[in-house]
PDB file of all heavy atoms in Angstrom:
ATOM      1  N   ASP A   1     -78.054-174.792 102.328  1.00  0.00           N
ATOM      2  CA  ASP A   1     -77.723-173.422 101.929  1.00  0.00           C
ATOM      3  C   ASP A   1     -77.054-172.731 103.114  1.00  0.00           C
ATOM      4  O   ASP A   1     -77.615-172.707 104.216  1.00  0.00           O
ATOM      5  CB  ASP A   1     -78.978-172.645 101.525  1.00  0.00           C
ATOM      6  CG  ASP A   1     -79.667-173.254 100.308  1.00  0.00           C
ATOM      7  OD1 ASP A   1     -79.038-174.089  99.640  1.00  0.00           O
ATOM      8  OD2 ASP A   1     -80.832-172.907 100.057  1.00  0.00           O
ATOM      9  N   PHE A   2     -75.861-172.186 102.879  1.00  0.00           N
ATOM     10  CA  PHE A   2     -75.155-171.541 103.985  1.00  0.00           C
ATOM     11  C   PHE A   2     -74.308-170.392 103.456  1.00  0.00           C
ATOM     12  O   PHE A   2     -74.059-170.273 102.248  1.00  0.00           O
ATOM     13  CB  PHE A   2     -74.287-172.544 104.742  1.00  0.00           C
ATOM     14  CG  PHE A   2     -73.138-173.112 103.944  1.00  0.00           C
ATOM     15  CD1 PHE A   2     -71.845-172.646 104.129  1.00  0.00           C
ATOM     16  CD2 PHE A   2     -73.348-174.123 103.027  1.00  0.00           C
ATOM     17  CE1 PHE A   2     -70.790-173.177 103.410  1.00  0.00           C
ATOM     18  CE2 PHE A   2     -72.301-174.659 102.298  1.00  0.00           C
ATOM     19  CZ  PHE A   2     -71.013-174.184 102.480  1.00  0.00           C
ATOM     20  N   SER A   3     -73.905-169.545 104.383  1.00  0.00           N
ATOM     21  CA  SER A   3     -73.084-168.375 104.070  1.00  0.00           C
ATOM     22  C   SER A   3     -71.833-168.407 104.934  1.00  0.00           C
ATOM     23  O   SER A   3     -71.837-168.936 106.047  1.00  0.00           O
ATOM     24  CB  SER A   3     -73.853-167.076 104.318  1.00  0.00           C
ATOM     25  OG  SER A   3     -75.029-167.022 103.525  1.00  0.00           O
ATOM     26  N   VAL A   4     -70.756-167.802 104.380  1.00  0.00           N
ATOM     27  CA  VAL A   4     -69.476-167.743 105.077  1.00  0.00           C
ATOM     28  C   VAL A   4     -69.048-166.282 105.159  1.00  0.00           C
ATOM     29  O   VAL A   4     -69.007-165.581 104.148  1.00  0.00           O
ATOM     30  CB  VAL A   4     -68.399-168.572 104.350  1.00  0.00           C
ATOM     31  CG1 VAL A   4     -67.058-168.443 105.067  1.00  0.00           C
ATOM     32  CG2 VAL A   4     -68.821-170.028 104.270  1.00  0.00           C
ATOM     33  N   LEU A   5     -68.746-165.836 106.372  1.00  0.00           N
ATOM     34  CA  LEU A   5     -68.212-164.492 106.599  1.00  0.00           C
ATOM     35  C   LEU A   5     -66.714-164.600 106.844  1.00  0.00           C
ATOM     36  O   LEU A   5     -66.286-165.335 107.745  1.00  0.00           O
ATOM     37  CB  LEU A   5     -68.903-163.836 107.798  1.00  0.00           C
ATOM     38  CG  LEU A   5     -70.429-163.704 107.714  1.00  0.00           C
ATOM     39  CD1 LEU A   5     -70.981-163.059 108.976  1.00  0.00           C
ATOM     40  CD2 LEU A   5     -70.839-162.897 106.496  1.00  0.00           C
ATOM     41  N   TRP A   6     -65.933-163.873 106.043  1.00  0.00           N
ATOM     42  CA  TRP A   6     -64.480-163.972 106.157  1.00  0.00           C
ATOM     43  C   TRP A   6     -63.827-162.624 105.886  1.00  0.00           C
ATOM     44  O   TRP A   6     -64.440-161.723 105.326  1.00  0.00           O
ATOM     45  CB  TRP A   6     -63.935-165.006 105.170  1.00  0.00           C
ATOM     46  CG  TRP A   6     -64.163-164.646 103.720  1.00  0.00           C
ATOM     47  CD1 TRP A   6     -65.297-164.840 103.001  1.00  0.00           C
ATOM     48  CD2 TRP A   6     -63.239-163.988 102.846  1.00  0.00           C
ATOM     49  NE1 TRP A   6     -65.149-164.367 101.730  1.00  0.00           N
ATOM     50  CE2 TRP A   6     -63.888-163.831 101.596  1.00  0.00           C
ATOM     51  CE3 TRP A   6     -61.936-163.533 102.991  1.00  0.00           C
ATOM     52  CZ2 TRP A   6     -63.265-163.242 100.513  1.00  0.00           C
ATOM     53  CZ3 TRP A   6     -61.309-162.943 101.896  1.00  0.00           C
ATOM     54  CH2 TRP A   6     -61.981-162.802 100.672  1.00  0.00           C
ATOM     55  N   LYS A   7     -62.601-162.500 106.322  1.00  0.00           N
ATOM     56  CA  LYS A   7     -61.813-161.296 106.099  1.00  0.00           C
ATOM     57  C   LYS A   7     -60.342-161.687 106.045  1.00  0.00           C
ATOM     58  O   LYS A   7     -59.972-162.831 106.309  1.00  0.00           O
ATOM     59  CB  LYS A   7     -62.055-160.286 107.211  1.00  0.00           C
ATOM     60  CG  LYS A   7     -61.658-160.797 108.583  1.00  0.00           C
ATOM     61  CD  LYS A   7     -61.918-159.790 109.686  1.00  0.00           C
ATOM     62  CE  LYS A   7     -60.999-158.607 109.555  1.00  0.00           C
ATOM     63  NZ  LYS A   7     -61.123-157.674 110.696  1.00  0.00           N
ATOM     64  N   VAL A   8     -59.513-160.711 105.685  1.00  0.00           N
ATOM     65  CA  VAL A   8     -58.077-160.958 105.640  1.00  0.00           C
ATOM     66  C   VAL A   8     -57.549-161.024 107.069  1.00  0.00           C
ATOM     67  O   VAL A   8     -57.864-160.176 107.903  1.00  0.00           O
ATOM     68  CB  VAL A   8     -57.354-159.860 104.839  1.00  0.00           C
ATOM     69  CG1 VAL A   8     -55.846-160.113 104.820  1.00  0.00           C
ATOM     70  CG2 VAL A   8     -57.886-159.807 103.414  1.00  0.00           C
ATOM     71  N   LYS A   9     -56.738-162.031 107.351  1.00  0.00           N
ATOM     72  CA  LYS A   9     -56.187-162.183 108.701  1.00  0.00           C
ATOM     73  C   LYS A   9     -55.217-161.044 108.991  1.00  0.00           C
ATOM     74  O   LYS A   9     -54.383-160.690 108.146  1.00  0.00           O
ATOM     75  CB  LYS A   9     -55.492-163.539 108.804  1.00  0.00           C
ATOM     76  CG  LYS A   9     -54.998-163.872 110.209  1.00  0.00           C
ATOM     77  CD  LYS A   9     -54.307-165.224 110.242  1.00  0.00           C
ATOM     78  CE  LYS A   9     -55.280-166.344 109.962  1.00  0.00           C
ATOM     79  NZ  LYS A   9     -54.623-167.664 110.155  1.00  0.00           N
ATOM     80  N   PRO A  10     -55.322-160.448 110.161  1.00  0.00           N
ATOM     81  CA  PRO A  10     -54.413-159.347 110.505  1.00  0.00           C
ATOM     82  C   PRO A  10     -52.952-159.773 110.399  1.00  0.00           C
ATOM     83  O   PRO A  10     -52.571-160.886 110.774  1.00  0.00           O
ATOM     84  CB  PRO A  10     -54.804-159.011 111.954  1.00  0.00           C
ATOM     85  CG  PRO A  10     -56.212-159.486 112.086  1.00  0.00           C
ATOM     86  CD  PRO A  10     -56.315-160.695 111.213  1.00  0.00           C
ATOM     87  N   ASN A  11     -52.126-158.859 109.863  1.00  0.00           N
ATOM     88  CA  ASN A  11     -50.676-159.068 109.682  1.00  0.00           C
ATOM     89  C   ASN A  11     -50.360-160.201 108.711  1.00  0.00           C
ATOM     90  O   ASN A  11     -49.241-160.725 108.725  1.00  0.00           O
ATOM     91  CB  ASN A  11     -50.003-159.344 111.032  1.00  0.00           C
ATOM     92  CG  ASN A  11     -50.212-158.220 112.028  1.00  0.00           C
ATOM     93  OD1 ASN A  11     -50.218-157.035 111.661  1.00  0.00           O
ATOM     94  ND2 ASN A  11     -50.399-158.569 113.287  1.00  0.00           N
ATOM     95  N   HIS A  12     -51.328-160.573 107.877  1.00  0.00           N
ATOM     96  CA  HIS A  12     -51.094-161.607 106.862  1.00  0.00           C
ATOM     97  C   HIS A  12     -51.574-161.132 105.487  1.00  0.00           C
ATOM     98  O   HIS A  12     -52.005-161.939 104.667  1.00  0.00           O
ATOM     99  CB  HIS A  12     -51.803-162.912 107.243  1.00  0.00           C
ATOM    100  CG  HIS A  12     -51.184-163.628 108.399  1.00  0.00           C
ATOM    101  ND1 HIS A  12     -51.358-163.221 109.704  1.00  0.00           N
ATOM    102  CD2 HIS A  12     -50.365-164.717 108.453  1.00  0.00           C
ATOM    103  CE1 HIS A  12     -50.705-164.041 110.510  1.00  0.00           C
ATOM    104  NE2 HIS A  12     -50.097-164.956 109.775  1.00  0.00           N
ATOM    105  N   VAL A  13     -51.500-159.821 105.245  1.00  0.00           N
ATOM    106  CA  VAL A  13     -51.955-159.309 103.951  1.00  0.00           C
ATOM    107  C   VAL A  13     -51.064-159.804 102.829  1.00  0.00           C
ATOM    108  O   VAL A  13     -51.522-160.070 101.706  1.00  0.00           O
ATOM    109  CB  VAL A  13     -52.003-157.771 103.988  1.00  0.00           C
ATOM    110  CG1 VAL A  13     -52.523-157.224 102.677  1.00  0.00           C
ATOM    111  CG2 VAL A  13     -52.884-157.295 105.134  1.00  0.00           C
ATOM    112  N   GLY A  14     -49.760-159.931 103.108  1.00  0.00           N
ATOM    113  CA  GLY A  14     -48.853-160.448 102.084  1.00  0.00           C
ATOM    114  C   GLY A  14     -49.215-161.852 101.659  1.00  0.00           C
ATOM    115  O   GLY A  14     -49.202-162.179 100.461  1.00  0.00           O
ATOM    116  N   ASP A  15     -49.559-162.714 102.627  1.00  0.00           N
ATOM    117  CA  ASP A  15     -49.994-164.070 102.274  1.00  0.00           C
ATOM    118  C   ASP A  15     -51.266-164.027 101.447  1.00  0.00           C
ATOM    119  O   ASP A  15     -51.430-164.799 100.483  1.00  0.00           O
ATOM    120  CB  ASP A  15     -50.231-164.877 103.546  1.00  0.00           C
ATOM    121  CG  ASP A  15     -48.949-165.075 104.348  1.00  0.00           C
ATOM    122  OD1 ASP A  15     -47.864-164.958 103.745  1.00  0.00           O
ATOM    123  OD2 ASP A  15     -49.039-165.326 105.565  1.00  0.00           O
ATOM    124  N   PHE A  16     -52.171-163.136 101.785  1.00  0.00           N
ATOM    125  CA  PHE A  16     -53.435-163.030 101.051  1.00  0.00           C
ATOM    126  C   PHE A  16     -53.208-162.614  99.599  1.00  0.00           C
ATOM    127  O   PHE A  16     -53.896-163.085  98.690  1.00  0.00           O
ATOM    128  CB  PHE A  16     -54.337-162.023 101.762  1.00  0.00           C
ATOM    129  CG  PHE A  16     -55.620-161.733 101.042  1.00  0.00           C
ATOM    130  CD1 PHE A  16     -56.657-162.633 101.052  1.00  0.00           C
ATOM    131  CD2 PHE A  16     -55.785-160.546 100.336  1.00  0.00           C
ATOM    132  CE1 PHE A  16     -57.843-162.369 100.386  1.00  0.00           C
ATOM    133  CE2 PHE A  16     -56.966-160.271  99.674  1.00  0.00           C
ATOM    134  CZ  PHE A  16     -58.000-161.183  99.695  1.00  0.00           C
ATOM    135  N   LEU A  17     -52.239-161.741  99.365  1.00  0.00           N
ATOM    136  CA  LEU A  17     -52.012-161.227  98.007  1.00  0.00           C
ATOM    137  C   LEU A  17     -51.187-162.171  97.139  1.00  0.00           C
ATOM    138  O   LEU A  17     -51.428-162.254  95.927  1.00  0.00           O
ATOM    139  CB  LEU A  17     -51.314-159.869  98.076  1.00  0.00           C
ATOM    140  CG  LEU A  17     -52.144-158.706  98.643  1.00  0.00           C
ATOM    141  CD1 LEU A  17     -51.280-157.465  98.764  1.00  0.00           C
ATOM    142  CD2 LEU A  17     -53.352-158.423  97.763  1.00  0.00           C
ATOM    143  N   PHE A  18     -50.256-162.891  97.733  1.00  0.00           N
ATOM    144  CA  PHE A  18     -49.268-163.594  96.907  1.00  0.00           C
ATOM    145  C   PHE A  18     -49.335-165.111  97.000  1.00  0.00           C
ATOM    146  O   PHE A  18     -48.790-165.790  96.140  1.00  0.00           O
ATOM    147  CB  PHE A  18     -47.854-163.128  97.294  1.00  0.00           C
ATOM    148  CG  PHE A  18     -47.667-161.652  97.216  1.00  0.00           C
ATOM    149  CD1 PHE A  18     -47.420-160.913  98.347  1.00  0.00           C
ATOM    150  CD2 PHE A  18     -47.770-160.994  96.001  1.00  0.00           C
ATOM    151  CE1 PHE A  18     -47.262-159.539  98.286  1.00  0.00           C
ATOM    152  CE2 PHE A  18     -47.615-159.623  95.930  1.00  0.00           C
ATOM    153  CZ  PHE A  18     -47.362-158.897  97.062  1.00  0.00           C
ATOM    154  N   ASN A  19     -49.981-165.670  98.049  1.00  0.00           N
ATOM    155  CA  ASN A  19     -50.018-167.131  98.169  1.00  0.00           C
ATOM    156  C   ASN A  19     -51.206-167.763  97.470  1.00  0.00           C
ATOM    157  O   ASN A  19     -51.166-168.946  97.138  1.00  0.00           O
ATOM    158  CB  ASN A  19     -50.034-167.534  99.648  1.00  0.00           C
ATOM    159  CG  ASN A  19     -48.715-167.245 100.327  1.00  0.00           C
ATOM    160  OD1 ASN A  19     -47.728-166.912  99.677  1.00  0.00           O
ATOM    161  ND2 ASN A  19     -48.688-167.347 101.651  1.00  0.00           N
ATOM    162  N   VAL A  20     -52.273-167.004  97.267  1.00  0.00           N
ATOM    163  CA  VAL A  20     -53.479-167.521  96.628  1.00  0.00           C
ATOM    164  C   VAL A  20     -53.822-166.617  95.453  1.00  0.00           C
ATOM    165  O   VAL A  20     -53.881-165.391  95.600  1.00  0.00           O
ATOM    166  CB  VAL A  20     -54.656-167.582  97.632  1.00  0.00           C
ATOM    167  CG1 VAL A  20     -55.897-168.116  96.951  1.00  0.00           C
ATOM    168  CG2 VAL A  20     -54.292-168.459  98.828  1.00  0.00           C
ATOM    169  N   GLN A  21     -54.062-167.220  94.294  1.00  0.00           N
ATOM    170  CA  GLN A  21     -54.329-166.434  93.104  1.00  0.00           C
ATOM    171  C   GLN A  21     -55.736-165.843  93.109  1.00  0.00           C
ATOM    172  O   GLN A  21     -55.931-164.681  92.754  1.00  0.00           O
ATOM    173  CB  GLN A  21     -54.134-167.303  91.855  1.00  0.00           C
ATOM    174  CG  GLN A  21     -54.287-166.530  90.544  1.00  0.00           C
ATOM    175  CD  GLN A  21     -53.970-167.391  89.340  1.00  0.00           C
ATOM    176  OE1 GLN A  21     -53.711-168.593  89.493  1.00  0.00           O
ATOM    177  NE2 GLN A  21     -53.982-166.814  88.164  1.00  0.00           N
ATOM    178  N   ALA A  22     -56.737-166.627  93.505  1.00  0.00           N
ATOM    179  CA  ALA A  22     -58.129-166.168  93.544  1.00  0.00           C
ATOM    180  C   ALA A  22     -58.671-166.425  94.951  1.00  0.00           C
ATOM    181  O   ALA A  22     -59.251-167.480  95.223  1.00  0.00           O
ATOM    182  CB  ALA A  22     -58.974-166.885  92.502  1.00  0.00           C
ATOM    183  N   PRO A  23     -58.497-165.475  95.882  1.00  0.00           N
ATOM    184  CA  PRO A  23     -58.891-165.732  97.278  1.00  0.00           C
ATOM    185  C   PRO A  23     -60.367-166.054  97.450  1.00  0.00           C
ATOM    186  O   PRO A  23     -60.725-166.986  98.175  1.00  0.00           O
ATOM    187  CB  PRO A  23     -58.510-164.429  97.991  1.00  0.00           C
ATOM    188  CG  PRO A  23     -57.482-163.797  97.113  1.00  0.00           C
ATOM    189  CD  PRO A  23     -57.845-164.174  95.719  1.00  0.00           C
ATOM    190  N   GLU A  24     -61.252-165.313  96.797  1.00  0.00           N
ATOM    191  CA  GLU A  24     -62.679-165.543  96.983  1.00  0.00           C
ATOM    192  C   GLU A  24     -63.089-166.918  96.488  1.00  0.00           C
ATOM    193  O   GLU A  24     -63.847-167.642  97.138  1.00  0.00           O
ATOM    194  CB  GLU A  24     -63.472-164.455  96.275  1.00  0.00           C
ATOM    195  CG  GLU A  24     -64.969-164.548  96.522  1.00  0.00           C
ATOM    196  CD  GLU A  24     -65.730-163.355  95.973  1.00  0.00           C
ATOM    197  OE1 GLU A  24     -65.072-162.396  95.504  1.00  0.00           O
ATOM    198  OE2 GLU A  24     -66.966-163.375  96.014  1.00  0.00           O
ATOM    199  N   GLY A  25     -62.599-167.300  95.299  1.00  0.00           N
ATOM    200  CA  GLY A  25     -62.908-168.629  94.789  1.00  0.00           C
ATOM    201  C   GLY A  25     -62.330-169.728  95.662  1.00  0.00           C
ATOM    202  O   GLY A  25     -62.957-170.777  95.852  1.00  0.00           O
ATOM    203  N   THR A  26     -61.146-169.475  96.227  1.00  0.00           N
ATOM    204  CA  THR A  26     -60.535-170.463  97.118  1.00  0.00           C
ATOM    205  C   THR A  26     -61.367-170.635  98.383  1.00  0.00           C
ATOM    206  O   THR A  26     -61.614-171.760  98.842  1.00  0.00           O
ATOM    207  CB  THR A  26     -59.107-170.039  97.478  1.00  0.00           C
ATOM    208  OG1 THR A  26     -58.341-169.911  96.280  1.00  0.00           O
ATOM    209  CG2 THR A  26     -58.456-171.055  98.389  1.00  0.00           C
ATOM    210  N   VAL A  27     -61.804-169.531  98.969  1.00  0.00           N
ATOM    211  CA  VAL A  27     -62.623-169.611 100.176  1.00  0.00           C
ATOM    212  C   VAL A  27     -63.923-170.349  99.886  1.00  0.00           C
ATOM    213  O   VAL A  27     -64.378-171.182 100.684  1.00  0.00           O
ATOM    214  CB  VAL A  27     -62.902-168.202 100.728  1.00  0.00           C
ATOM    215  CG1 VAL A  27     -63.902-168.263 101.874  1.00  0.00           C
ATOM    216  CG2 VAL A  27     -61.611-167.548 101.194  1.00  0.00           C
ATOM    217  N   LYS A  28     -64.538-170.097  98.761  1.00  0.00           N
ATOM    218  CA  LYS A  28     -65.791-170.766  98.416  1.00  0.00           C
ATOM    219  C   LYS A  28     -65.581-172.264  98.237  1.00  0.00           C
ATOM    220  O   LYS A  28     -66.370-173.085  98.719  1.00  0.00           O
ATOM    221  CB  LYS A  28     -66.370-170.154  97.148  1.00  0.00           C
ATOM    222  CG  LYS A  28     -67.732-170.714  96.772  1.00  0.00           C
ATOM    223  CD  LYS A  28     -68.326-169.963  95.593  1.00  0.00           C
ATOM    224  CE  LYS A  28     -69.713-170.482  95.257  1.00  0.00           C
ATOM    225  NZ  LYS A  28     -70.335-169.744  94.135  1.00  0.00           N
ATOM    226  N   ALA A  29     -64.497-172.644  97.534  1.00  0.00           N
ATOM    227  CA  ALA A  29     -64.234-174.068  97.319  1.00  0.00           C
ATOM    228  C   ALA A  29     -63.934-174.779  98.633  1.00  0.00           C
ATOM    229  O   ALA A  29     -64.405-175.895  98.878  1.00  0.00           O
ATOM    230  CB  ALA A  29     -63.068-174.231  96.347  1.00  0.00           C
ATOM    231  N   VAL A  30     -63.156-174.127  99.505  1.00  0.00           N
ATOM    232  CA  VAL A  30     -62.840-174.734 100.795  1.00  0.00           C
ATOM    233  C   VAL A  30     -64.099-174.857 101.648  1.00  0.00           C
ATOM    234  O   VAL A  30     -64.304-175.859 102.345  1.00  0.00           O
ATOM    235  CB  VAL A  30     -61.758-173.906 101.505  1.00  0.00           C
ATOM    236  CG1 VAL A  30     -61.577-174.378 102.942  1.00  0.00           C
ATOM    237  CG2 VAL A  30     -60.440-173.999 100.754  1.00  0.00           C
ATOM    238  N   ALA A  31     -64.977-173.856 101.607  1.00  0.00           N
ATOM    239  CA  ALA A  31     -66.214-173.904 102.391  1.00  0.00           C
ATOM    240  C   ALA A  31     -67.104-175.056 101.933  1.00  0.00           C
ATOM    241  O   ALA A  31     -67.656-175.803 102.755  1.00  0.00           O
ATOM    242  CB  ALA A  31     -66.946-172.574 102.280  1.00  0.00           C
ATOM    243  N   GLU A  32     -67.274-175.198 100.636  1.00  0.00           N
ATOM    244  CA  GLU A  32     -68.118-176.277 100.126  1.00  0.00           C
ATOM    245  C   GLU A  32     -67.533-177.639 100.472  1.00  0.00           C
ATOM    246  O   GLU A  32     -68.254-178.561 100.864  1.00  0.00           O
ATOM    247  CB  GLU A  32     -68.264-176.135  98.614  1.00  0.00           C
ATOM    248  CG  GLU A  32     -69.226-177.129  97.988  1.00  0.00           C
ATOM    249  CD  GLU A  32     -69.432-176.884  96.505  1.00  0.00           C
ATOM    250  OE1 GLU A  32     -69.008-175.815  96.011  1.00  0.00           O
ATOM    251  OE2 GLU A  32     -70.028-177.755  95.842  1.00  0.00           O
ATOM    252  N   SER A  33     -66.207-177.769 100.359  1.00  0.00           N
ATOM    253  CA  SER A  33     -65.568-179.049 100.690  1.00  0.00           C
ATOM    254  C   SER A  33     -65.716-179.371 102.170  1.00  0.00           C
ATOM    255  O   SER A  33     -66.038-180.512 102.548  1.00  0.00           O
ATOM    256  CB  SER A  33     -64.085-178.985 100.312  1.00  0.00           C
ATOM    257  OG  SER A  33     -63.418-180.161 100.714  1.00  0.00           O
ATOM    258  N   ALA A  34     -65.517-178.369 103.042  1.00  0.00           N
ATOM    259  CA  ALA A  34     -65.643-178.614 104.481  1.00  0.00           C
ATOM    260  C   ALA A  34     -67.072-178.974 104.854  1.00  0.00           C
ATOM    261  O   ALA A  34     -67.307-179.867 105.688  1.00  0.00           O
ATOM    262  CB  ALA A  34     -65.180-177.380 105.250  1.00  0.00           C
ATOM    263  N   MET A  35     -68.054-178.301 104.262  1.00  0.00           N
ATOM    264  CA  MET A  35     -69.446-178.607 104.566  1.00  0.00           C
ATOM    265  C   MET A  35     -69.805-180.019 104.122  1.00  0.00           C
ATOM    266  O   MET A  35     -70.492-180.762 104.848  1.00  0.00           O
ATOM    267  CB  MET A  35     -70.359-177.586 103.900  1.00  0.00           C
ATOM    268  CG  MET A  35     -71.844-177.796 104.182  1.00  0.00           C
ATOM    269  SD  MET A  35     -72.271-177.670 105.938  1.00  0.00           S
ATOM    270  CE  MET A  35     -72.137-175.893 106.163  1.00  0.00           C
ATOM    271  N   ARG A  36     -69.364-180.426 102.944  1.00  0.00           N
ATOM    272  CA  ARG A  36     -69.655-181.780 102.472  1.00  0.00           C
ATOM    273  C   ARG A  36     -69.015-182.827 103.404  1.00  0.00           C
ATOM    274  O   ARG A  36     -69.600-183.882 103.659  1.00  0.00           O
ATOM    275  CB  ARG A  36     -69.143-181.964 101.049  1.00  0.00           C
ATOM    276  CG  ARG A  36     -69.918-181.162 100.018  1.00  0.00           C
ATOM    277  CD  ARG A  36     -69.486-181.472  98.593  1.00  0.00           C
ATOM    278  NE  ARG A  36     -70.211-180.654  97.642  1.00  0.00           N
ATOM    279  CZ  ARG A  36     -71.432-180.941  97.188  1.00  0.00           C
ATOM    280  NH1 ARG A  36     -72.034-182.046  97.601  1.00  0.00           N
ATOM    281  NH2 ARG A  36     -72.036-180.147  96.314  1.00  0.00           N
ATOM    282  N   GLU A  37     -67.830-182.524 103.905  1.00  0.00           N
ATOM    283  CA  GLU A  37     -67.173-183.472 104.817  1.00  0.00           C
ATOM    284  C   GLU A  37     -67.952-183.602 106.119  1.00  0.00           C
ATOM    285  O   GLU A  37     -68.170-184.719 106.621  1.00  0.00           O
ATOM    286  CB  GLU A  37     -65.750-183.009 105.095  1.00  0.00           C
ATOM    287  CG  GLU A  37     -64.997-183.922 106.051  1.00  0.00           C
ATOM    288  CD  GLU A  37     -63.579-183.456 106.298  1.00  0.00           C
ATOM    289  OE1 GLU A  37     -63.144-182.500 105.628  1.00  0.00           O
ATOM    290  OE2 GLU A  37     -62.909-184.055 107.171  1.00  0.00           O
ATOM    291  N   VAL A  38     -68.376-182.479 106.685  1.00  0.00           N
ATOM    292  CA  VAL A  38     -69.105-182.525 107.952  1.00  0.00           C
ATOM    293  C   VAL A  38     -70.474-183.179 107.761  1.00  0.00           C
ATOM    294  O   VAL A  38     -70.899-184.011 108.583  1.00  0.00           O
ATOM    295  CB  VAL A  38     -69.248-181.099 108.532  1.00  0.00           C
ATOM    296  CG1 VAL A  38     -70.144-181.112 109.770  1.00  0.00           C
ATOM    297  CG2 VAL A  38     -67.882-180.534 108.882  1.00  0.00           C
ATOM    298  N   ILE A  39     -71.190-182.829 106.688  1.00  0.00           N
ATOM    299  CA  ILE A  39     -72.492-183.441 106.427  1.00  0.00           C
ATOM    300  C   ILE A  39     -72.339-184.937 106.187  1.00  0.00           C
ATOM    301  O   ILE A  39     -73.183-185.745 106.607  1.00  0.00           O
ATOM    302  CB  ILE A  39     -73.167-182.758 105.225  1.00  0.00           C
ATOM    303  CG1 ILE A  39     -73.513-181.306 105.566  1.00  0.00           C
ATOM    304  CG2 ILE A  39     -74.428-183.503 104.809  1.00  0.00           C
ATOM    305  CD1 ILE A  39     -74.516-181.148 106.687  1.00  0.00           C
TER     306      ILE A  39
END
């Protein structure tokens, strides 16, 4: 069980809005994948 703290990268708000359709879901999927790889 783990938690991830994240925010929008400074000067990259445009990438946050237009490059990823669902940012929160993307961050969660990437976090779970990275944790499984490290474990």
